Amino acid sequence: MKSVASVMTILFVAVISPVQGQVYRCTGPDGQAIFSQAPCAPDAEIIDIRAGKSDPESAARMREMARANASETEYRQRLAQAERELRRLEHERRVKLAEVDERHRLMLMEQSRQTDTGWLRSLSKQLREVESLYDPQIKAQHEEIARLRSQGPDL
């Protein structure tokens, strides 16, 4: 997001200061570029931006920065979406298991009055159904998050 701000700052300064023709570029304490109309550090780099001067290499660098920012934004959005889906699935699985546990508790209360073990088989089947429904989806989300993280923002 800071890279987008840097690009926007360059463009803003380029638009509002064609008369002055110079912008100073410094590196901030966090490593991000800082652009200013006045020297922002003793080692400030002077960037000439007067109207009429065109630097194809600079324009190409700007386009590349914009593409990189778009890729990083897309990566972060995809990762956040995968993490939200994982949380949703895990929550839904916990709710379903809690429902089965509650049925189990109620059945245990009834067990003292019944000798039939059919309810225990039913309960085991319900637990397996919940696990077989959610566990593969949760595993797939973990794998997607790991894949996205291994790719990093360079898509």
Protein backbone atom coordinates (compact mmCIF):
# COMPACT_ATOMS: atom_id res chain seq x y z
CA MET A 1 0.00 0.00 0.00
CA LYS A 2 2.93 2.33 0.72
CA SER A 3 4.21 1.70 -2.82
CA VAL A 4 0.91 2.91 -4.22
CA ALA A 5 1.25 6.04 -2.08
CA SER A 6 4.76 6.59 -3.43
CA VAL A 7 3.59 6.33 -7.03
CA MET A 8 0.66 8.64 -6.31
CA THR A 9 3.03 11.13 -4.65
CA ILE A 10 5.29 11.16 -7.71
CA LEU A 11 2.34 11.72 -10.01
CA PHE A 12 0.90 14.43 -7.76
CA VAL A 13 4.19 16.26 -7.51
CA ALA A 14 4.70 15.95 -11.27
CA VAL A 15 1.31 17.52 -11.91
CA ILE A 16 1.51 20.39 -9.41
CA SER A 17 5.10 21.46 -9.85
CA PRO A 18 5.89 21.84 -13.56
CA VAL A 19 7.19 25.36 -12.91
CA GLN A 20 9.71 24.35 -10.27
CA GLY A 21 10.88 21.33 -12.27
CA GLN A 22 12.59 19.47 -9.43
CA VAL A 23 11.53 16.98 -6.84
CA TYR A 24 13.73 15.53 -4.13
CA ARG A 25 13.72 11.81 -3.45
CA CYS A 26 14.92 10.44 -0.11
CA THR A 27 14.69 7.09 1.60
CA GLY A 28 12.68 7.10 4.82
CA PRO A 29 13.58 5.17 7.97
CA ASP A 30 11.28 2.33 6.88
CA GLY A 31 13.00 2.08 3.49
CA GLN A 32 10.13 3.69 1.59
CA ALA A 33 10.77 6.46 -0.91
CA ILE A 34 9.86 10.00 0.17
CA PHE A 35 9.30 12.72 -2.42
CA SER A 36 9.40 16.39 -1.55
CA GLN A 37 9.68 19.83 -3.17
CA ALA A 38 12.43 20.71 -0.68
CA PRO A 39 15.51 18.61 0.18
CA CYS A 40 14.33 15.97 2.65
CA ALA A 41 17.84 14.71 3.55
CA PRO A 42 21.45 15.68 2.90
CA ASP A 43 21.76 12.88 0.32
CA ALA A 44 18.47 13.70 -1.43
CA GLU A 45 18.36 12.73 -5.08
CA ILE A 46 17.13 15.49 -7.39
CA ILE A 47 14.57 14.38 -9.95
CA ASP A 48 13.96 16.78 -12.83
CA ILE A 49 10.27 16.77 -13.79
CA ARG A 50 9.92 19.90 -15.89
CA ALA A 51 7.23 19.89 -18.55
CA GLY A 52 8.49 18.88 -21.94
CA LYS A 53 11.14 16.51 -20.66
CA SER A 54 10.35 12.90 -21.21
CA ASP A 55 12.29 9.98 -19.83
CA PRO A 56 11.14 6.70 -21.43
CA GLU A 57 13.05 4.67 -18.83
CA SER A 58 11.31 6.53 -16.00
CA ALA A 59 7.92 5.98 -17.60
CA ALA A 60 8.72 2.27 -17.98
CA ARG A 61 9.79 2.08 -14.32
CA MET A 62 6.53 3.79 -13.30
CA ARG A 63 4.50 1.27 -15.33
CA GLU A 64 6.44 -1.61 -13.81
CA MET A 65 5.86 -0.23 -10.30
CA ALA A 66 2.15 0.07 -11.03
CA ARG A 67 2.04 -3.55 -12.27
CA ALA A 68 3.93 -4.75 -9.19
CA ASN A 69 1.55 -2.85 -6.91
CA ALA A 70 -1.46 -4.35 -8.68
CA SER A 71 0.03 -7.87 -8.38
CA GLU A 72 0.76 -7.38 -4.69
CA THR A 73 -2.75 -6.05 -4.07
CA GLU A 74 -4.30 -9.00 -5.91
CA TYR A 75 -2.10 -11.42 -3.94
CA ARG A 76 -3.09 -9.87 -0.61
CA GLN A 77 -6.78 -9.94 -1.55
CA ARG A 78 -6.59 -13.62 -2.58
CA LEU A 79 -4.73 -14.55 0.61
CA ALA A 80 -7.22 -12.64 2.78
CA GLN A 81 -10.14 -14.32 1.00
CA ALA A 82 -8.60 -17.78 1.49
CA GLU A 83 -8.01 -17.06 5.18
CA ARG A 84 -11.62 -15.83 5.61
CA GLU A 85 -12.92 -18.99 3.95
CA LEU A 86 -10.75 -21.13 6.23
CA ARG A 87 -12.09 -19.33 9.33
CA ARG A 88 -15.66 -19.78 8.06
CA LEU A 89 -15.19 -23.50 7.46
CA GLU A 90 -13.50 -24.06 10.82
CA HIS A 91 -16.27 -22.16 12.60
CA GLU A 92 -18.99 -24.07 10.78
CA ARG A 93 -17.26 -27.38 11.62
CA ARG A 94 -17.04 -26.40 15.32
CA VAL A 95 -20.76 -25.54 15.35
CA LYS A 96 -21.71 -28.86 13.73
CA LEU A 97 -19.49 -30.83 16.12
CA ALA A 98 -21.01 -28.96 19.07
CA GLU A 99 -24.46 -29.95 17.82
CA VAL A 100 -23.39 -33.59 17.63
CA ASP A 101 -21.82 -33.33 21.10
CA GLU A 102 -25.07 -31.94 22.47
CA ARG A 103 -27.01 -34.83 20.92
CA HIS A 104 -24.46 -37.17 22.45
CA ARG A 105 -24.95 -35.63 25.87
CA LEU A 106 -28.71 -35.98 25.58
CA MET A 107 -28.38 -39.57 24.42
CA LEU A 108 -26.11 -40.40 27.33
CA MET A 109 -28.80 -39.14 29.65
CA GLU A 110 -31.24 -41.48 27.94
CA GLN A 111 -28.78 -44.36 28.02
CA SER A 112 -29.48 -45.07 31.63
CA ARG A 113 -33.08 -45.81 30.62
CA GLN A 114 -32.29 -47.77 27.47
CA THR A 115 -30.16 -50.76 26.70
CA ASP A 116 -30.17 -50.27 22.91
CA THR A 117 -26.79 -49.13 21.52
CA GLY A 118 -28.20 -48.08 18.15
CA TRP A 119 -27.95 -44.44 19.21
CA LEU A 120 -24.18 -44.81 19.72
CA ARG A 121 -23.75 -46.10 16.17
CA SER A 122 -25.89 -43.21 14.93
CA LEU A 123 -23.82 -40.70 16.83
CA SER A 124 -20.55 -42.14 15.50
CA LYS A 125 -21.94 -41.94 11.99
CA GLN A 126 -22.92 -38.28 12.49
CA LEU A 127 -19.44 -37.43 13.74
CA ARG A 128 -17.83 -39.12 10.73
CA GLU A 129 -20.19 -37.23 8.39
CA VAL A 130 -19.26 -33.85 9.89
CA GLU A 131 -15.55 -34.67 9.73
CA SER A 132 -15.74 -36.02 6.17
CA LEU A 133 -17.62 -32.91 5.06
CA TYR A 134 -15.37 -30.26 6.63
CA ASP A 135 -11.92 -31.80 7.02
CA PRO A 136 -11.13 -32.01 3.25
CA GLN A 137 -12.34 -28.44 2.72
CA ILE A 138 -10.29 -27.15 5.66
CA LYS A 139 -7.23 -29.06 4.40
CA ALA A 140 -7.72 -27.56 0.91
CA GLN A 141 -7.91 -24.03 2.39
CA HIS A 142 -4.71 -24.63 4.39
CA GLU A 143 -3.01 -25.81 1.18
CA GLU A 144 -4.29 -22.77 -0.77
CA ILE A 145 -2.99 -20.40 1.92
CA ALA A 146 0.38 -22.18 1.93
CA ARG A 147 0.51 -21.99 -1.89
CA LEU A 148 -0.32 -18.28 -1.87
CA ARG A 149 2.24 -17.56 0.83
CA SER A 150 4.93 -19.51 -1.04
CA GLN A 151 4.23 -17.46 -4.18
CA GLY A 152 4.43 -14.20 -2.29
CA PRO A 153 3.27 -10.99 -3.90
CA ASP A 154 5.23 -11.70 -7.12
CA LEU A 155 2.51 -13.34 -9.18
